[in-house]
């Protein structure tokens, strides 16, 4: 397995573990201290973190089978998007200044561009090219 595939899969697994912990915290710990509307916002961040972590895992598996530069760049954009999107929502949930909300749409943009790049990369892969060990 290539180095790129290893970091993508490992980071996806860690992000999934964190999303699981945050989801449990939201379900059991936050209900006592936050208003229902803030919990709903928190749950949105957890849900998006789960979706994109699973996607990052899939990209890692794809890179393990067929190394493509576009897939590596897509993975970086998706990680950046998760940090900006979910991270800003988590921060807002806990009372960060509303100005931090300007980061959220940038995170969404990075996620969309990352997934679009991954789609183009996979579609453009016409021949079977095994991943080279790195």
C-alpha atoms as a PDB file:
ATOM      1  CA  UNK A   1       0.000   0.000   0.000  1.00  0.00           C
ATOM      2  CA  UNK A   2       1.343   3.419  -0.881  1.00  0.00           C
ATOM      3  CA  UNK A   3       2.201   6.078   1.690  1.00  0.00           C
ATOM      4  CA  UNK A   4      -0.619   8.251   0.333  1.00  0.00           C
ATOM      5  CA  UNK A   5      -3.165   5.485   0.726  1.00  0.00           C
ATOM      6  CA  UNK A   6      -1.957   4.806   4.275  1.00  0.00           C
ATOM      7  CA  UNK A   7      -2.340   8.429   5.448  1.00  0.00           C
ATOM      8  CA  UNK A   8      -5.760   8.739   3.829  1.00  0.00           C
ATOM      9  CA  UNK A   9      -7.104   5.541   5.369  1.00  0.00           C
ATOM     10  CA  UNK A  10      -5.531   6.224   8.775  1.00  0.00           C
ATOM     11  CA  UNK A  11      -6.842   9.794   8.877  1.00  0.00           C
ATOM     12  CA  UNK A  12     -10.291   8.622   7.789  1.00  0.00           C
ATOM     13  CA  UNK A  13     -10.320   6.016  10.565  1.00  0.00           C
ATOM     14  CA  UNK A  14      -9.250   8.589  13.170  1.00  0.00           C
ATOM     15  CA  UNK A  15     -11.871  11.036  11.925  1.00  0.00           C
ATOM     16  CA  UNK A  16     -14.533   8.310  12.136  1.00  0.00           C
ATOM     17  CA  UNK A  17     -13.482   7.533  15.707  1.00  0.00           C
ATOM     18  CA  UNK A  18     -13.652  11.231  16.583  1.00  0.00           C
ATOM     19  CA  UNK A  19     -17.065  11.608  14.925  1.00  0.00           C
ATOM     20  CA  UNK A  20     -18.312   8.618  16.926  1.00  0.00           C
ATOM     21  CA  UNK A  21     -17.037  10.133  20.170  1.00  0.00           C
ATOM     22  CA  UNK A  22     -18.466  13.556  19.345  1.00  0.00           C
ATOM     23  CA  UNK A  23     -21.809  12.015  18.395  1.00  0.00           C
ATOM     24  CA  UNK A  24     -21.979  10.175  21.698  1.00  0.00           C
ATOM     25  CA  UNK A  25     -20.965  13.330  23.548  1.00  0.00           C
ATOM     26  CA  UNK A  26     -23.684  15.249  21.756  1.00  0.00           C
ATOM     27  CA  UNK A  27     -26.310  12.629  22.518  1.00  0.00           C
ATOM     28  CA  UNK A  28     -25.412  12.165  26.183  1.00  0.00           C
ATOM     29  CA  UNK A  29     -23.398  15.127  27.446  1.00  0.00           C
ATOM     30  CA  UNK A  30     -24.625  18.146  25.543  1.00  0.00           C
ATOM     31  CA  UNK A  31     -28.346  17.601  26.012  1.00  0.00           C
ATOM     32  CA  UNK A  32     -28.015  18.880  29.574  1.00  0.00           C
ATOM     33  CA  UNK A  33     -26.115  22.062  28.740  1.00  0.00           C
ATOM     34  CA  UNK A  34     -27.148  23.214  25.250  1.00  0.00           C
ATOM     35  CA  UNK A  35     -30.403  24.368  23.730  1.00  0.00           C
ATOM     36  CA  UNK A  36     -32.042  21.997  21.220  1.00  0.00           C
ATOM     37  CA  UNK A  37     -31.242  24.280  18.261  1.00  0.00           C
ATOM     38  CA  UNK A  38     -27.523  24.244  19.137  1.00  0.00           C
ATOM     39  CA  UNK A  39     -27.588  20.463  19.495  1.00  0.00           C
ATOM     40  CA  UNK A  40     -29.142  20.207  16.030  1.00  0.00           C
ATOM     41  CA  UNK A  41     -26.300  22.319  14.606  1.00  0.00           C
ATOM     42  CA  UNK A  42     -23.743  20.143  16.412  1.00  0.00           C
ATOM     43  CA  UNK A  43     -25.373  16.997  15.005  1.00  0.00           C
ATOM     44  CA  UNK A  44     -25.111  18.464  11.499  1.00  0.00           C
ATOM     45  CA  UNK A  45     -21.350  18.805  11.931  1.00  0.00           C
ATOM     46  CA  UNK A  46     -21.064  15.235  13.247  1.00  0.00           C
ATOM     47  CA  UNK A  47     -23.136  13.886  10.334  1.00  0.00           C
ATOM     48  CA  UNK A  48     -21.024  15.710   7.729  1.00  0.00           C
ATOM     49  CA  UNK A  49     -17.826  14.553   9.414  1.00  0.00           C
ATOM     50  CA  UNK A  50     -19.073  10.965   9.183  1.00  0.00           C
ATOM     51  CA  UNK A  51     -20.042  11.234   5.500  1.00  0.00           C
ATOM     52  CA  UNK A  52     -16.797  12.781   4.380  1.00  0.00           C
ATOM     53  CA  UNK A  53     -14.644  10.525   6.575  1.00  0.00           C
ATOM     54  CA  UNK A  54     -16.210   7.498   4.886  1.00  0.00           C
ATOM     55  CA  UNK A  55     -15.565   9.140   1.540  1.00  0.00           C
ATOM     56  CA  UNK A  56     -11.941   9.800   2.463  1.00  0.00           C
ATOM     57  CA  UNK A  57     -11.651   6.121   3.368  1.00  0.00           C
ATOM     58  CA  UNK A  58     -12.958   5.215  -0.102  1.00  0.00           C
ATOM     59  CA  UNK A  59     -10.458   7.558  -1.746  1.00  0.00           C
ATOM     60  CA  UNK A  60      -7.680   5.902   0.252  1.00  0.00           C
ATOM     61  CA  UNK A  61      -8.779   2.486  -1.007  1.00  0.00           C
ATOM     62  CA  UNK A  62      -8.900   3.836  -4.547  1.00  0.00           C
ATOM     63  CA  UNK A  63      -5.382   5.239  -4.239  1.00  0.00           C
ATOM     64  CA  UNK A  64      -4.206   1.909  -2.807  1.00  0.00           C
ATOM     65  CA  UNK A  65      -5.427   0.195  -5.990  1.00  0.00           C
ATOM     66  CA  UNK A  66      -4.533   2.910  -8.495  1.00  0.00           C
ATOM     67  CA  UNK A  67      -2.348   5.866  -7.577  1.00  0.00           C
ATOM     68  CA  UNK A  68      -3.557   9.103  -9.151  1.00  0.00           C
ATOM     69  CA  UNK A  69      -2.327  12.609  -8.408  1.00  0.00           C
ATOM     70  CA  UNK A  70      -5.858  13.999  -8.686  1.00  0.00           C
ATOM     71  CA  UNK A  71      -7.088  11.611  -5.982  1.00  0.00           C
ATOM     72  CA  UNK A  72      -4.345  12.779  -3.631  1.00  0.00           C
ATOM     73  CA  UNK A  73      -5.233  16.424  -4.219  1.00  0.00           C
ATOM     74  CA  UNK A  74      -8.935  15.605  -3.808  1.00  0.00           C
ATOM     75  CA  UNK A  75      -8.212  13.934  -0.467  1.00  0.00           C
ATOM     76  CA  UNK A  76      -6.328  17.019   0.747  1.00  0.00           C
ATOM     77  CA  UNK A  77      -9.214  19.277  -0.290  1.00  0.00           C
ATOM     78  CA  UNK A  78     -11.702  17.022   1.493  1.00  0.00           C
ATOM     79  CA  UNK A  79      -9.656  17.031   4.694  1.00  0.00           C
ATOM     80  CA  UNK A  80      -9.378  20.819   4.510  1.00  0.00           C
ATOM     81  CA  UNK A  81     -13.111  21.041   3.847  1.00  0.00           C
ATOM     82  CA  UNK A  82     -13.963  18.817   6.823  1.00  0.00           C
ATOM     83  CA  UNK A  83     -11.778  20.878   9.131  1.00  0.00           C
ATOM     84  CA  UNK A  84     -13.234  24.185   7.922  1.00  0.00           C
ATOM     85  CA  UNK A  85     -16.858  23.065   7.629  1.00  0.00           C
ATOM     86  CA  UNK A  86     -17.355  20.787  10.618  1.00  0.00           C
ATOM     87  CA  UNK A  87     -14.719  22.565  12.706  1.00  0.00           C
ATOM     88  CA  UNK A  88     -16.374  25.955  12.350  1.00  0.00           C
ATOM     89  CA  UNK A  89     -19.777  24.466  13.170  1.00  0.00           C
ATOM     90  CA  UNK A  90     -18.377  22.773  16.278  1.00  0.00           C
ATOM     91  CA  UNK A  91     -16.805  26.084  17.315  1.00  0.00           C
ATOM     92  CA  UNK A  92     -20.054  27.993  16.761  1.00  0.00           C
ATOM     93  CA  UNK A  93     -21.953  25.407  18.799  1.00  0.00           C
ATOM     94  CA  UNK A  94     -19.775  26.190  21.799  1.00  0.00           C
ATOM     95  CA  UNK A  95     -20.091  29.943  21.513  1.00  0.00           C
ATOM     96  CA  UNK A  96     -17.281  31.003  19.210  1.00  0.00           C
ATOM     97  CA  UNK A  97     -17.755  34.480  17.750  1.00  0.00           C
ATOM     98  CA  UNK A  98     -20.285  34.472  14.916  1.00  0.00           C
ATOM     99  CA  UNK A  99     -17.548  35.770  12.606  1.00  0.00           C
ATOM    100  CA  UNK A 100     -16.079  32.246  12.584  1.00  0.00           C
ATOM    101  CA  UNK A 101     -19.141  31.311  10.522  1.00  0.00           C
ATOM    102  CA  UNK A 102     -17.442  32.847   7.474  1.00  0.00           C
ATOM    103  CA  UNK A 103     -15.215  29.740   7.401  1.00  0.00           C
ATOM    104  CA  UNK A 104     -18.150  27.316   7.001  1.00  0.00           C
ATOM    105  CA  UNK A 105     -18.984  28.041   3.341  1.00  0.00           C
ATOM    106  CA  UNK A 106     -15.302  27.846   2.416  1.00  0.00           C
ATOM    107  CA  UNK A 107     -15.254  24.382   3.961  1.00  0.00           C
ATOM    108  CA  UNK A 108     -18.284  23.413   1.897  1.00  0.00           C
ATOM    109  CA  UNK A 109     -16.577  24.766  -1.218  1.00  0.00           C
ATOM    110  CA  UNK A 110     -13.427  22.711  -0.547  1.00  0.00           C
ATOM    111  CA  UNK A 111     -15.582  19.608  -0.035  1.00  0.00           C
ATOM    112  CA  UNK A 112     -17.452  20.131  -3.304  1.00  0.00           C
ATOM    113  CA  UNK A 113     -14.284  20.811  -5.289  1.00  0.00           C
ATOM    114  CA  UNK A 114     -12.553  17.814  -3.719  1.00  0.00           C
ATOM    115  CA  UNK A 115     -15.386  15.455  -4.624  1.00  0.00           C
ATOM    116  CA  UNK A 116     -15.671  16.887  -8.138  1.00  0.00           C
ATOM    117  CA  UNK A 117     -11.926  16.461  -8.655  1.00  0.00           C
ATOM    118  CA  UNK A 118     -12.111  12.892  -7.401  1.00  0.00           C
ATOM    119  CA  UNK A 119     -14.979  12.160  -9.820  1.00  0.00           C
ATOM    120  CA  UNK A 120     -13.025  13.601 -12.758  1.00  0.00           C
ATOM    121  CA  UNK A 121      -9.883  11.720 -11.710  1.00  0.00           C
ATOM    122  CA  UNK A 122     -11.674   8.385 -11.492  1.00  0.00           C
ATOM    123  CA  UNK A 123     -13.536   8.964 -14.756  1.00  0.00           C
ATOM    124  CA  UNK A 124     -10.315   9.931 -16.557  1.00  0.00           C
ATOM    125  CA  UNK A 125      -8.519   6.758 -15.412  1.00  0.00           C
ATOM    126  CA  UNK A 126      -8.919   4.801 -18.620  1.00  0.00           C
ATOM    127  CA  UNK A 127      -6.422   2.040 -18.071  1.00  0.00           C
ATOM    128  CA  UNK A 128      -5.590  -0.169 -15.179  1.00  0.00           C
ATOM    129  CA  UNK A 129      -2.472   1.249 -13.586  1.00  0.00           C
ATOM    130  CA  UNK A 130      -1.448  -0.398 -10.312  1.00  0.00           C
ATOM    131  CA  UNK A 131      -0.294   1.831  -7.491  1.00  0.00           C
ATOM    132  CA  UNK A 132       3.453   2.140  -7.221  1.00  0.00           C
ATOM    133  CA  UNK A 133       4.927   1.560  -3.769  1.00  0.00           C
ATOM    134  CA  UNK A 134       6.009   4.767  -2.099  1.00  0.00           C
END
